[in-house]
PDB file of all heavy atoms in Angstrom:
ATOM      1  N   GLU A   1     277.132 -30.964 110.448  1.00  0.00           N
ATOM      2  CA  GLU A   1     277.062 -30.827 111.894  1.00  0.00           C
ATOM      3  C   GLU A   1     277.969 -31.820 112.614  1.00  0.00           C
ATOM      4  O   GLU A   1     278.005 -32.997 112.275  1.00  0.00           O
ATOM      5  CB  GLU A   1     275.617 -31.045 112.365  1.00  0.00           C
ATOM      6  CG  GLU A   1     274.616 -30.088 111.770  1.00  0.00           C
ATOM      7  CD  GLU A   1     274.801 -28.661 112.249  1.00  0.00           C
ATOM      8  OE1 GLU A   1     275.424 -28.470 113.321  1.00  0.00           O
ATOM      9  OE2 GLU A   1     274.331 -27.739 111.563  1.00  0.00           O
ATOM     10  N   LYS A   2     278.666 -31.329 113.626  1.00  0.00           N
ATOM     11  CA  LYS A   2     279.494 -32.196 114.471  1.00  0.00           C
ATOM     12  C   LYS A   2     278.604 -32.932 115.462  1.00  0.00           C
ATOM     13  O   LYS A   2     277.394 -32.743 115.499  1.00  0.00           O
ATOM     14  CB  LYS A   2     280.572 -31.373 115.168  1.00  0.00           C
ATOM     15  CG  LYS A   2     281.547 -30.712 114.184  1.00  0.00           C
ATOM     16  CD  LYS A   2     282.694 -30.049 114.908  1.00  0.00           C
ATOM     17  CE  LYS A   2     283.622 -29.338 113.936  1.00  0.00           C
ATOM     18  NZ  LYS A   2     284.211 -30.282 112.950  1.00  0.00           N
ATOM     19  N   ASP A   3     279.221 -33.758 116.316  1.00  0.00           N
ATOM     20  CA  ASP A   3     278.421 -34.672 117.126  1.00  0.00           C
ATOM     21  C   ASP A   3     277.705 -34.025 118.306  1.00  0.00           C
ATOM     22  O   ASP A   3     277.055 -34.718 119.085  1.00  0.00           O
ATOM     23  CB  ASP A   3     279.255 -35.872 117.584  1.00  0.00           C
ATOM     24  CG  ASP A   3     280.463 -35.486 118.415  1.00  0.00           C
ATOM     25  OD1 ASP A   3     280.595 -34.297 118.760  1.00  0.00           O
ATOM     26  OD2 ASP A   3     281.268 -36.393 118.712  1.00  0.00           O
ATOM     27  N   GLN A   4     277.782 -32.679 118.436  1.00  0.00           N
ATOM     28  CA  GLN A   4     276.941 -32.018 119.432  1.00  0.00           C
ATOM     29  C   GLN A   4     275.510 -31.798 118.908  1.00  0.00           C
ATOM     30  O   GLN A   4     274.607 -31.450 119.669  1.00  0.00           O
ATOM     31  CB  GLN A   4     277.518 -30.649 119.824  1.00  0.00           C
ATOM     32  CG  GLN A   4     278.847 -30.694 120.550  1.00  0.00           C
ATOM     33  CD  GLN A   4     280.024 -30.788 119.592  1.00  0.00           C
ATOM     34  OE1 GLN A   4     279.854 -30.652 118.369  1.00  0.00           O
ATOM     35  NE2 GLN A   4     281.211 -31.017 120.127  1.00  0.00           N
ATOM     36  N   TYR A   5     275.324 -32.008 117.600  1.00  0.00           N
ATOM     37  CA  TYR A   5     274.026 -31.721 116.989  1.00  0.00           C
ATOM     38  C   TYR A   5     273.012 -32.781 117.385  1.00  0.00           C
ATOM     39  O   TYR A   5     273.231 -33.985 117.208  1.00  0.00           O
ATOM     40  CB  TYR A   5     274.185 -31.686 115.468  1.00  0.00           C
ATOM     41  CG  TYR A   5     272.899 -31.477 114.710  1.00  0.00           C
ATOM     42  CD1 TYR A   5     272.174 -30.287 114.823  1.00  0.00           C
ATOM     43  CD2 TYR A   5     272.399 -32.476 113.878  1.00  0.00           C
ATOM     44  CE1 TYR A   5     271.005 -30.103 114.122  1.00  0.00           C
ATOM     45  CE2 TYR A   5     271.219 -32.295 113.168  1.00  0.00           C
ATOM     46  CZ  TYR A   5     270.525 -31.104 113.294  1.00  0.00           C
ATOM     47  OH  TYR A   5     269.363 -30.930 112.599  1.00  0.00           O
ATOM     48  N   HIS A   6     271.866 -32.326 117.909  1.00  0.00           N
ATOM     49  CA  HIS A   6     270.846 -33.256 118.384  1.00  0.00           C
ATOM     50  C   HIS A   6     269.498 -32.549 118.355  1.00  0.00           C
ATOM     51  O   HIS A   6     269.369 -31.417 118.810  1.00  0.00           O
ATOM     52  CB  HIS A   6     271.174 -33.707 119.806  1.00  0.00           C
ATOM     53  CG  HIS A   6     270.150 -34.624 120.400  1.00  0.00           C
ATOM     54  ND1 HIS A   6     269.905 -35.882 119.904  1.00  0.00           N
ATOM     55  CD2 HIS A   6     269.296 -34.459 121.449  1.00  0.00           C
ATOM     56  CE1 HIS A   6     268.955 -36.468 120.625  1.00  0.00           C
ATOM     57  NE2 HIS A   6     268.571 -35.617 121.562  1.00  0.00           N
ATOM     58  N   VAL A   7     268.497 -33.193 117.801  1.00  0.00           N
ATOM     59  CA  VAL A   7     267.125 -32.684 117.789  1.00  0.00           C
ATOM     60  C   VAL A   7     266.235 -33.701 118.482  1.00  0.00           C
ATOM     61  O   VAL A   7     266.298 -34.896 118.173  1.00  0.00           O
ATOM     62  CB  VAL A   7     266.628 -32.442 116.339  1.00  0.00           C
ATOM     63  CG1 VAL A   7     265.156 -32.032 116.341  1.00  0.00           C
ATOM     64  CG2 VAL A   7     267.470 -31.386 115.648  1.00  0.00           C
ATOM     65  N   HIS A   8     265.413 -33.217 119.397  1.00  0.00           N
ATOM     66  CA  HIS A   8     264.545 -34.103 120.180  1.00  0.00           C
ATOM     67  C   HIS A   8     263.123 -33.553 120.113  1.00  0.00           C
ATOM     68  O   HIS A   8     262.872 -32.417 120.530  1.00  0.00           O
ATOM     69  CB  HIS A   8     265.030 -34.168 121.624  1.00  0.00           C
ATOM     70  CG  HIS A   8     264.233 -35.113 122.474  1.00  0.00           C
ATOM     71  ND1 HIS A   8     264.264 -35.059 123.853  1.00  0.00           N
ATOM     72  CD2 HIS A   8     263.393 -36.137 122.159  1.00  0.00           C
ATOM     73  CE1 HIS A   8     263.465 -36.007 124.333  1.00  0.00           C
ATOM     74  NE2 HIS A   8     262.945 -36.666 123.331  1.00  0.00           N
ATOM     75  N   ARG A   9     262.190 -34.349 119.590  1.00  0.00           N
ATOM     76  CA  ARG A   9     260.791 -33.927 119.527  1.00  0.00           C
ATOM     77  C   ARG A   9     259.937 -35.022 120.183  1.00  0.00           C
ATOM     78  O   ARG A   9     259.449 -35.922 119.504  1.00  0.00           O
ATOM     79  CB  ARG A   9     260.348 -33.696 118.080  1.00  0.00           C
ATOM     80  CG  ARG A   9     261.079 -32.555 117.391  1.00  0.00           C
ATOM     81  CD  ARG A   9     260.368 -32.160 116.088  1.00  0.00           C
ATOM     82  NE  ARG A   9     261.087 -31.105 115.400  1.00  0.00           N
ATOM     83  CZ  ARG A   9     261.928 -31.302 114.393  1.00  0.00           C
ATOM     84  NH1 ARG A   9     262.159 -32.533 113.962  1.00  0.00           N
ATOM     85  NH2 ARG A   9     262.538 -30.287 113.826  1.00  0.00           N
ATOM     86  N   PRO A  10     259.740 -34.966 121.479  1.00  0.00           N
ATOM     87  CA  PRO A  10     258.977 -36.029 122.170  1.00  0.00           C
ATOM     88  C   PRO A  10     257.525 -36.101 121.750  1.00  0.00           C
ATOM     89  O   PRO A  10     256.870 -37.134 121.943  1.00  0.00           O
ATOM     90  CB  PRO A  10     259.115 -35.655 123.653  1.00  0.00           C
ATOM     91  CG  PRO A  10     259.477 -34.212 123.657  1.00  0.00           C
ATOM     92  CD  PRO A  10     260.247 -33.956 122.415  1.00  0.00           C
ATOM     93  N   ASP A  11     256.994 -35.022 121.189  1.00  0.00           N
ATOM     94  CA  ASP A  11     255.606 -35.031 120.715  1.00  0.00           C
ATOM     95  C   ASP A  11     255.513 -35.152 119.202  1.00  0.00           C
ATOM     96  O   ASP A  11     254.421 -35.046 118.639  1.00  0.00           O
ATOM     97  CB  ASP A  11     254.889 -33.751 121.167  1.00  0.00           C
ATOM     98  CG  ASP A  11     254.805 -33.658 122.674  1.00  0.00           C
ATOM     99  OD1 ASP A  11     254.602 -34.713 123.317  1.00  0.00           O
ATOM    100  OD2 ASP A  11     254.958 -32.544 123.209  1.00  0.00           O
ATOM    101  N   GLY A  12     256.663 -35.360 118.540  1.00  0.00           N
ATOM    102  CA  GLY A  12     256.657 -35.445 117.086  1.00  0.00           C
ATOM    103  C   GLY A  12     256.351 -34.111 116.445  1.00  0.00           C
ATOM    104  O   GLY A  12     256.463 -33.048 117.054  1.00  0.00           O
ATOM    105  N   MET A  13     255.958 -34.143 115.187  1.00  0.00           N
ATOM    106  CA  MET A  13     255.558 -32.944 114.452  1.00  0.00           C
ATOM    107  C   MET A  13     254.611 -33.392 113.349  1.00  0.00           C
ATOM    108  O   MET A  13     254.441 -34.592 113.098  1.00  0.00           O
ATOM    109  CB  MET A  13     256.772 -32.223 113.870  1.00  0.00           C
ATOM    110  CG  MET A  13     257.570 -33.019 112.859  1.00  0.00           C
ATOM    111  SD  MET A  13     258.959 -32.089 112.165  1.00  0.00           S
ATOM    112  CE  MET A  13     259.620 -33.306 111.003  1.00  0.00           C
ATOM    113  N   ARG A  14     254.002 -32.462 112.667  1.00  0.00           N
ATOM    114  CA  ARG A  14     253.033 -32.840 111.639  1.00  0.00           C
ATOM    115  C   ARG A  14     253.721 -33.338 110.374  1.00  0.00           C
ATOM    116  O   ARG A  14     253.308 -34.325 109.775  1.00  0.00           O
ATOM    117  CB  ARG A  14     252.132 -31.655 111.303  1.00  0.00           C
ATOM    118  CG  ARG A  14     251.084 -31.991 110.240  1.00  0.00           C
ATOM    119  CD  ARG A  14     250.227 -30.800 109.887  1.00  0.00           C
ATOM    120  NE  ARG A  14     249.197 -31.169 108.922  1.00  0.00           N
ATOM    121  CZ  ARG A  14     249.371 -31.226 107.612  1.00  0.00           C
ATOM    122  NH1 ARG A  14     250.564 -30.945 107.103  1.00  0.00           N
ATOM    123  NH2 ARG A  14     248.387 -31.560 106.800  1.00  0.00           N
ATOM    124  N   ASP A  15     254.763 -32.661 109.937  1.00  0.00           N
ATOM    125  CA  ASP A  15     255.385 -32.966 108.647  1.00  0.00           C
ATOM    126  C   ASP A  15     256.324 -34.158 108.716  1.00  0.00           C
ATOM    127  O   ASP A  15     256.764 -34.572 109.788  1.00  0.00           O
ATOM    128  CB  ASP A  15     256.171 -31.752 108.141  1.00  0.00           C
ATOM    129  CG  ASP A  15     255.259 -30.620 107.685  1.00  0.00           C
ATOM    130  OD1 ASP A  15     254.086 -30.898 107.379  1.00  0.00           O
ATOM    131  OD2 ASP A  15     255.721 -29.476 107.625  1.00  0.00           O
ATOM    132  N   PHE A  16     256.628 -34.702 107.542  1.00  0.00           N
ATOM    133  CA  PHE A  16     257.700 -35.685 107.386  1.00  0.00           C
ATOM    134  C   PHE A  16     259.022 -34.938 107.216  1.00  0.00           C
ATOM    135  O   PHE A  16     259.047 -33.784 106.770  1.00  0.00           O
ATOM    136  CB  PHE A  16     257.470 -36.536 106.135  1.00  0.00           C
ATOM    137  CG  PHE A  16     256.470 -37.643 106.314  1.00  0.00           C
ATOM    138  CD1 PHE A  16     255.110 -37.363 106.457  1.00  0.00           C
ATOM    139  CD2 PHE A  16     256.871 -38.965 106.325  1.00  0.00           C
ATOM    140  CE1 PHE A  16     254.184 -38.385 106.600  1.00  0.00           C
ATOM    141  CE2 PHE A  16     255.949 -39.998 106.465  1.00  0.00           C
ATOM    142  CZ  PHE A  16     254.599 -39.703 106.605  1.00  0.00           C
ATOM    143  N   LEU A  17     260.103 -35.625 107.549  1.00  0.00           N
ATOM    144  CA  LEU A  17     261.443 -35.112 107.280  1.00  0.00           C
ATOM    145  C   LEU A  17     262.128 -36.063 106.306  1.00  0.00           C
ATOM    146  O   LEU A  17     262.131 -37.275 106.521  1.00  0.00           O
ATOM    147  CB  LEU A  17     262.267 -35.025 108.573  1.00  0.00           C
ATOM    148  CG  LEU A  17     263.739 -34.616 108.409  1.00  0.00           C
ATOM    149  CD1 LEU A  17     263.861 -33.162 107.957  1.00  0.00           C
ATOM    150  CD2 LEU A  17     264.519 -34.839 109.705  1.00  0.00           C
ATOM    151  N   ILE A  18     262.685 -35.499 105.240  1.00  0.00           N
ATOM    152  CA  ILE A  18     263.444 -36.299 104.272  1.00  0.00           C
ATOM    153  C   ILE A  18     264.877 -35.793 104.270  1.00  0.00           C
ATOM    154  O   ILE A  18     265.113 -34.574 104.186  1.00  0.00           O
ATOM    155  CB  ILE A  18     262.856 -36.190 102.853  1.00  0.00           C
ATOM    156  CG1 ILE A  18     261.415 -36.682 102.833  1.00  0.00           C
ATOM    157  CG2 ILE A  18     263.687 -36.996 101.867  1.00  0.00           C
ATOM    158  CD1 ILE A  18     260.782 -36.647 101.462  1.00  0.00           C
ATOM    159  N   THR A  19     265.841 -36.694 104.364  1.00  0.00           N
ATOM    160  CA  THR A  19     267.254 -36.299 104.325  1.00  0.00           C
ATOM    161  C   THR A  19     268.011 -37.184 103.341  1.00  0.00           C
ATOM    162  O   THR A  19     267.641 -38.339 103.112  1.00  0.00           O
ATOM    163  CB  THR A  19     267.924 -36.424 105.710  1.00  0.00           C
ATOM    164  OG1 THR A  19     268.102 -37.814 106.033  1.00  0.00           O
ATOM    165  CG2 THR A  19     267.110 -35.740 106.801  1.00  0.00           C
ATOM    166  N   LEU A  20     269.066 -36.631 102.784  1.00  0.00           N
ATOM    167  CA  LEU A  20     270.021 -37.397 101.980  1.00  0.00           C
ATOM    168  C   LEU A  20     271.398 -37.142 102.566  1.00  0.00           C
ATOM    169  O   LEU A  20     271.870 -36.001 102.593  1.00  0.00           O
ATOM    170  CB  LEU A  20     269.983 -36.954 100.516  1.00  0.00           C
ATOM    171  CG  LEU A  20     270.991 -37.649  99.581  1.00  0.00           C
ATOM    172  CD1 LEU A  20     270.688 -39.144  99.473  1.00  0.00           C
ATOM    173  CD2 LEU A  20     270.983 -37.007  98.186  1.00  0.00           C
ATOM    174  N   THR A  21     272.023 -38.189 103.077  1.00  0.00           N
ATOM    175  CA  THR A  21     273.338 -38.053 103.701  1.00  0.00           C
ATOM    176  C   THR A  21     274.419 -38.037 102.625  1.00  0.00           C
ATOM    177  O   THR A  21     274.487 -38.947 101.790  1.00  0.00           O
ATOM    178  CB  THR A  21     273.597 -39.207 104.693  1.00  0.00           C
ATOM    179  OG1 THR A  21     272.623 -39.139 105.738  1.00  0.00           O
ATOM    180  CG2 THR A  21     274.989 -39.117 105.298  1.00  0.00           C
ATOM    181  N   LEU A  22     275.255 -37.014 102.682  1.00  0.00           N
ATOM    182  CA  LEU A  22     276.331 -36.857 101.706  1.00  0.00           C
ATOM    183  C   LEU A  22     277.643 -37.413 102.241  1.00  0.00           C
ATOM    184  O   LEU A  22     278.384 -38.086 101.523  1.00  0.00           O
ATOM    185  CB  LEU A  22     276.487 -35.384 101.332  1.00  0.00           C
ATOM    186  CG  LEU A  22     275.205 -34.685 100.841  1.00  0.00           C
ATOM    187  CD1 LEU A  22     275.463 -33.216 100.580  1.00  0.00           C
ATOM    188  CD2 LEU A  22     274.655 -35.370  99.599  1.00  0.00           C
ATOM    189  N   ARG A  23     277.933 -37.126 103.502  1.00  0.00           N
ATOM    190  CA  ARG A  23     279.157 -37.635 104.154  1.00  0.00           C
ATOM    191  C   ARG A  23     278.874 -37.826 105.634  1.00  0.00           C
ATOM    192  O   ARG A  23     277.993 -37.196 106.199  1.00  0.00           O
ATOM    193  CB  ARG A  23     280.333 -36.653 103.972  1.00  0.00           C
ATOM    194  CG  ARG A  23     280.843 -36.523 102.554  1.00  0.00           C
ATOM    195  CD  ARG A  23     282.089 -35.636 102.484  1.00  0.00           C
ATOM    196  NE  ARG A  23     281.817 -34.290 102.957  1.00  0.00           N
ATOM    197  CZ  ARG A  23     281.259 -33.333 102.198  1.00  0.00           C
ATOM    198  NH1 ARG A  23     280.893 -33.596 100.968  1.00  0.00           N
ATOM    199  NH2 ARG A  23     281.059 -32.128 102.704  1.00  0.00           N
ATOM    200  N   GLY A  24     279.707 -38.661 106.263  1.00  0.00           N
ATOM    201  CA  GLY A  24     279.582 -38.864 107.700  1.00  0.00           C
ATOM    202  C   GLY A  24     278.408 -39.752 108.063  1.00  0.00           C
ATOM    203  O   GLY A  24     277.862 -40.467 107.225  1.00  0.00           O
ATOM    204  N   GLU A  25     278.017 -39.692 109.343  1.00  0.00           N
ATOM    205  CA  GLU A  25     276.943 -40.545 109.841  1.00  0.00           C
ATOM    206  C   GLU A  25     276.019 -39.771 110.765  1.00  0.00           C
ATOM    207  O   GLU A  25     276.469 -38.968 111.581  1.00  0.00           O
ATOM    208  CB  GLU A  25     277.508 -41.749 110.606  1.00  0.00           C
ATOM    209  CG  GLU A  25     278.265 -42.739 109.757  1.00  0.00           C
ATOM    210  CD  GLU A  25     278.741 -43.940 110.549  1.00  0.00           C
ATOM    211  OE1 GLU A  25     278.423 -44.017 111.760  1.00  0.00           O
ATOM    212  OE2 GLU A  25     279.427 -44.802 109.976  1.00  0.00           O
ATOM    213  N   GLY A  26     274.733 -40.030 110.616  1.00  0.00           N
ATOM    214  CA  GLY A  26     273.740 -39.506 111.534  1.00  0.00           C
ATOM    215  C   GLY A  26     272.917 -40.650 112.095  1.00  0.00           C
ATOM    216  O   GLY A  26     273.039 -41.791 111.655  1.00  0.00           O
ATOM    217  N   TYR A  27     272.095 -40.348 113.076  1.00  0.00           N
ATOM    218  CA  TYR A  27     271.231 -41.375 113.644  1.00  0.00           C
ATOM    219  C   TYR A  27     269.798 -40.836 113.719  1.00  0.00           C
ATOM    220  O   TYR A  27     269.564 -39.626 113.782  1.00  0.00           O
ATOM    221  CB  TYR A  27     271.700 -41.799 115.039  1.00  0.00           C
ATOM    222  CG  TYR A  27     271.571 -40.719 116.082  1.00  0.00           C
ATOM    223  CD1 TYR A  27     270.378 -40.525 116.781  1.00  0.00           C
ATOM    224  CD2 TYR A  27     272.648 -39.876 116.371  1.00  0.00           C
ATOM    225  CE1 TYR A  27     270.257 -39.516 117.720  1.00  0.00           C
ATOM    226  CE2 TYR A  27     272.529 -38.859 117.300  1.00  0.00           C
ATOM    227  CZ  TYR A  27     271.332 -38.682 117.972  1.00  0.00           C
ATOM    228  OH  TYR A  27     271.207 -37.679 118.891  1.00  0.00           O
ATOM    229  N   PHE A  28     268.857 -41.754 113.703  1.00  0.00           N
ATOM    230  CA  PHE A  28     267.447 -41.437 113.894  1.00  0.00           C
ATOM    231  C   PHE A  28     266.893 -42.399 114.927  1.00  0.00           C
ATOM    232  O   PHE A  28     267.175 -43.596 114.897  1.00  0.00           O
ATOM    233  CB  PHE A  28     266.667 -41.585 112.585  1.00  0.00           C
ATOM    234  CG  PHE A  28     266.930 -40.492 111.590  1.00  0.00           C
ATOM    235  CD1 PHE A  28     268.001 -40.583 110.714  1.00  0.00           C
ATOM    236  CD2 PHE A  28     266.115 -39.367 111.543  1.00  0.00           C
ATOM    237  CE1 PHE A  28     268.258 -39.578 109.799  1.00  0.00           C
ATOM    238  CE2 PHE A  28     266.356 -38.355 110.621  1.00  0.00           C
ATOM    239  CZ  PHE A  28     267.432 -38.453 109.749  1.00  0.00           C
ATOM    240  N   ILE A  29     266.084 -41.876 115.829  1.00  0.00           N
ATOM    241  CA  ILE A  29     265.381 -42.702 116.804  1.00  0.00           C
ATOM    242  C   ILE A  29     263.910 -42.378 116.685  1.00  0.00           C
ATOM    243  O   ILE A  29     263.492 -41.237 116.917  1.00  0.00           O
ATOM    244  CB  ILE A  29     265.865 -42.438 118.245  1.00  0.00           C
ATOM    245  CG1 ILE A  29     267.377 -42.673 118.363  1.00  0.00           C
ATOM    246  CG2 ILE A  29     265.110 -43.327 119.226  1.00  0.00           C
ATOM    247  CD1 ILE A  29     267.949 -42.291 119.724  1.00  0.00           C
ATOM    248  N   ALA A  30     263.112 -43.365 116.303  1.00  0.00           N
ATOM    249  CA  ALA A  30     261.660 -43.194 116.197  1.00  0.00           C
ATOM    250  C   ALA A  30     260.993 -44.289 116.997  1.00  0.00           C
ATOM    251  O   ALA A  30     261.288 -45.477 116.795  1.00  0.00           O
ATOM    252  CB  ALA A  30     261.219 -43.258 114.740  1.00  0.00           C
ATOM    253  N   SER A  31     260.142 -43.893 117.943  1.00  0.00           N
ATOM    254  CA  SER A  31     259.457 -44.850 118.836  1.00  0.00           C
ATOM    255  C   SER A  31     260.447 -45.801 119.495  1.00  0.00           C
ATOM    256  O   SER A  31     260.200 -47.005 119.624  1.00  0.00           O
ATOM    257  CB  SER A  31     258.393 -45.626 118.058  1.00  0.00           C
ATOM    258  OG  SER A  31     257.411 -44.743 117.566  1.00  0.00           O
ATOM    259  N   GLY A  32     261.603 -45.271 119.873  1.00  0.00           N
ATOM    260  CA  GLY A  32     262.595 -46.040 120.608  1.00  0.00           C
ATOM    261  C   GLY A  32     263.539 -46.865 119.769  1.00  0.00           C
ATOM    262  O   GLY A  32     264.464 -47.477 120.309  1.00  0.00           O
ATOM    263  N   VAL A  33     263.348 -46.921 118.456  1.00  0.00           N
ATOM    264  CA  VAL A  33     264.219 -47.713 117.571  1.00  0.00           C
ATOM    265  C   VAL A  33     265.268 -46.790 116.958  1.00  0.00           C
ATOM    266  O   VAL A  33     264.942 -45.783 116.331  1.00  0.00           O
ATOM    267  CB  VAL A  33     263.398 -48.398 116.454  1.00  0.00           C
ATOM    268  CG1 VAL A  33     264.327 -49.174 115.532  1.00  0.00           C
ATOM    269  CG2 VAL A  33     262.342 -49.324 117.065  1.00  0.00           C
ATOM    270  N   ARG A  34     266.537 -47.150 117.139  1.00  0.00           N
ATOM    271  CA  ARG A  34     267.648 -46.342 116.641  1.00  0.00           C
ATOM    272  C   ARG A  34     268.182 -46.920 115.331  1.00  0.00           C
ATOM    273  O   ARG A  34     268.405 -48.130 115.220  1.00  0.00           O
ATOM    274  CB  ARG A  34     268.776 -46.297 117.685  1.00  0.00           C
ATOM    275  CG  ARG A  34     269.997 -45.480 117.258  1.00  0.00           C
ATOM    276  CD  ARG A  34     271.091 -45.613 118.303  1.00  0.00           C
ATOM    277  NE  ARG A  34     272.323 -44.968 117.886  1.00  0.00           N
ATOM    278  CZ  ARG A  34     272.718 -43.766 118.257  1.00  0.00           C
ATOM    279  NH1 ARG A  34     271.967 -43.035 119.075  1.00  0.00           N
ATOM    280  NH2 ARG A  34     273.859 -43.260 117.830  1.00  0.00           N
ATOM    281  N   GLN A  35     268.381 -46.050 114.339  1.00  0.00           N
ATOM    282  CA  GLN A  35     268.951 -46.443 113.054  1.00  0.00           C
ATOM    283  C   GLN A  35     270.038 -45.453 112.658  1.00  0.00           C
ATOM    284  O   GLN A  35     269.969 -44.272 113.012  1.00  0.00           O
ATOM    285  CB  GLN A  35     267.872 -46.472 111.954  1.00  0.00           C
ATOM    286  CG  GLN A  35     266.758 -47.468 112.189  1.00  0.00           C
ATOM    287  CD  GLN A  35     265.816 -47.529 111.005  1.00  0.00           C
ATOM    288  OE1 GLN A  35     266.158 -48.018 109.931  1.00  0.00           O
ATOM    289  NE2 GLN A  35     264.602 -47.011 111.195  1.00  0.00           N
ATOM    290  N   ILE A  36     271.013 -45.947 111.906  1.00  0.00           N
ATOM    291  CA  ILE A  36     272.130 -45.128 111.456  1.00  0.00           C
ATOM    292  C   ILE A  36     271.988 -44.855 109.957  1.00  0.00           C
ATOM    293  O   ILE A  36     271.653 -45.754 109.189  1.00  0.00           O
ATOM    294  CB  ILE A  36     273.487 -45.829 111.718  1.00  0.00           C
ATOM    295  CG1 ILE A  36     273.630 -46.177 113.204  1.00  0.00           C
ATOM    296  CG2 ILE A  36     274.646 -44.958 111.250  1.00  0.00           C
ATOM    297  CD1 ILE A  36     273.649 -44.976 114.114  1.00  0.00           C
ATOM    298  N   CYS A  37     272.239 -43.615 109.559  1.00  0.00           N
ATOM    299  CA  CYS A  37     272.275 -43.292 108.128  1.00  0.00           C
ATOM    300  C   CYS A  37     273.703 -42.904 107.762  1.00  0.00           C
ATOM    301  O   CYS A  37     274.389 -42.201 108.502  1.00  0.00           O
ATOM    302  CB  CYS A  37     271.297 -42.166 107.789  1.00  0.00           C
ATOM    303  SG  CYS A  37     271.574 -40.638 108.674  1.00  0.00           S
ATOM    304  N   ARG A  38     274.139 -43.394 106.614  1.00  0.00           N
ATOM    305  CA  ARG A  38     275.500 -43.167 106.131  1.00  0.00           C
ATOM    306  C   ARG A  38     275.464 -42.521 104.757  1.00  0.00           C
ATOM    307  O   ARG A  38     274.390 -42.308 104.191  1.00  0.00           O
ATOM    308  CB  ARG A  38     276.268 -44.487 106.103  1.00  0.00           C
ATOM    309  CG  ARG A  38     276.402 -45.146 107.477  1.00  0.00           C
ATOM    310  CD  ARG A  38     277.086 -46.493 107.414  1.00  0.00           C
ATOM    311  NE  ARG A  38     277.321 -47.039 108.754  1.00  0.00           N
ATOM    312  CZ  ARG A  38     276.427 -47.733 109.445  1.00  0.00           C
ATOM    313  NH1 ARG A  38     275.222 -47.983 108.918  1.00  0.00           N
ATOM    314  NH2 ARG A  38     276.706 -48.189 110.648  1.00  0.00           N
ATOM    315  N   ALA A  39     276.641 -42.212 104.227  1.00  0.00           N
ATOM    316  CA  ALA A  39     276.728 -41.543 102.935  1.00  0.00           C
ATOM    317  C   ALA A  39     275.945 -42.320 101.879  1.00  0.00           C
ATOM    318  O   ALA A  39     276.121 -43.531 101.730  1.00  0.00           O
ATOM    319  CB  ALA A  39     278.182 -41.396 102.521  1.00  0.00           C
ATOM    320  N   GLY A  40     275.076 -41.622 101.153  1.00  0.00           N
ATOM    321  CA  GLY A  40     274.275 -42.245 100.111  1.00  0.00           C
ATOM    322  C   GLY A  40     272.928 -42.738 100.586  1.00  0.00           C
ATOM    323  O   GLY A  40     272.135 -43.225  99.786  1.00  0.00           O
TER     324      GLY A  40
END
């Protein structure tokens, strides 16, 4: 996904999400804390 990709769930969801980054960079924001995930 290019940088227009964005998911926002203000009420959360029941399940966990697990990801493995292969290339590029994504971000996660949980309870206001932003973290970056990179390849590997």
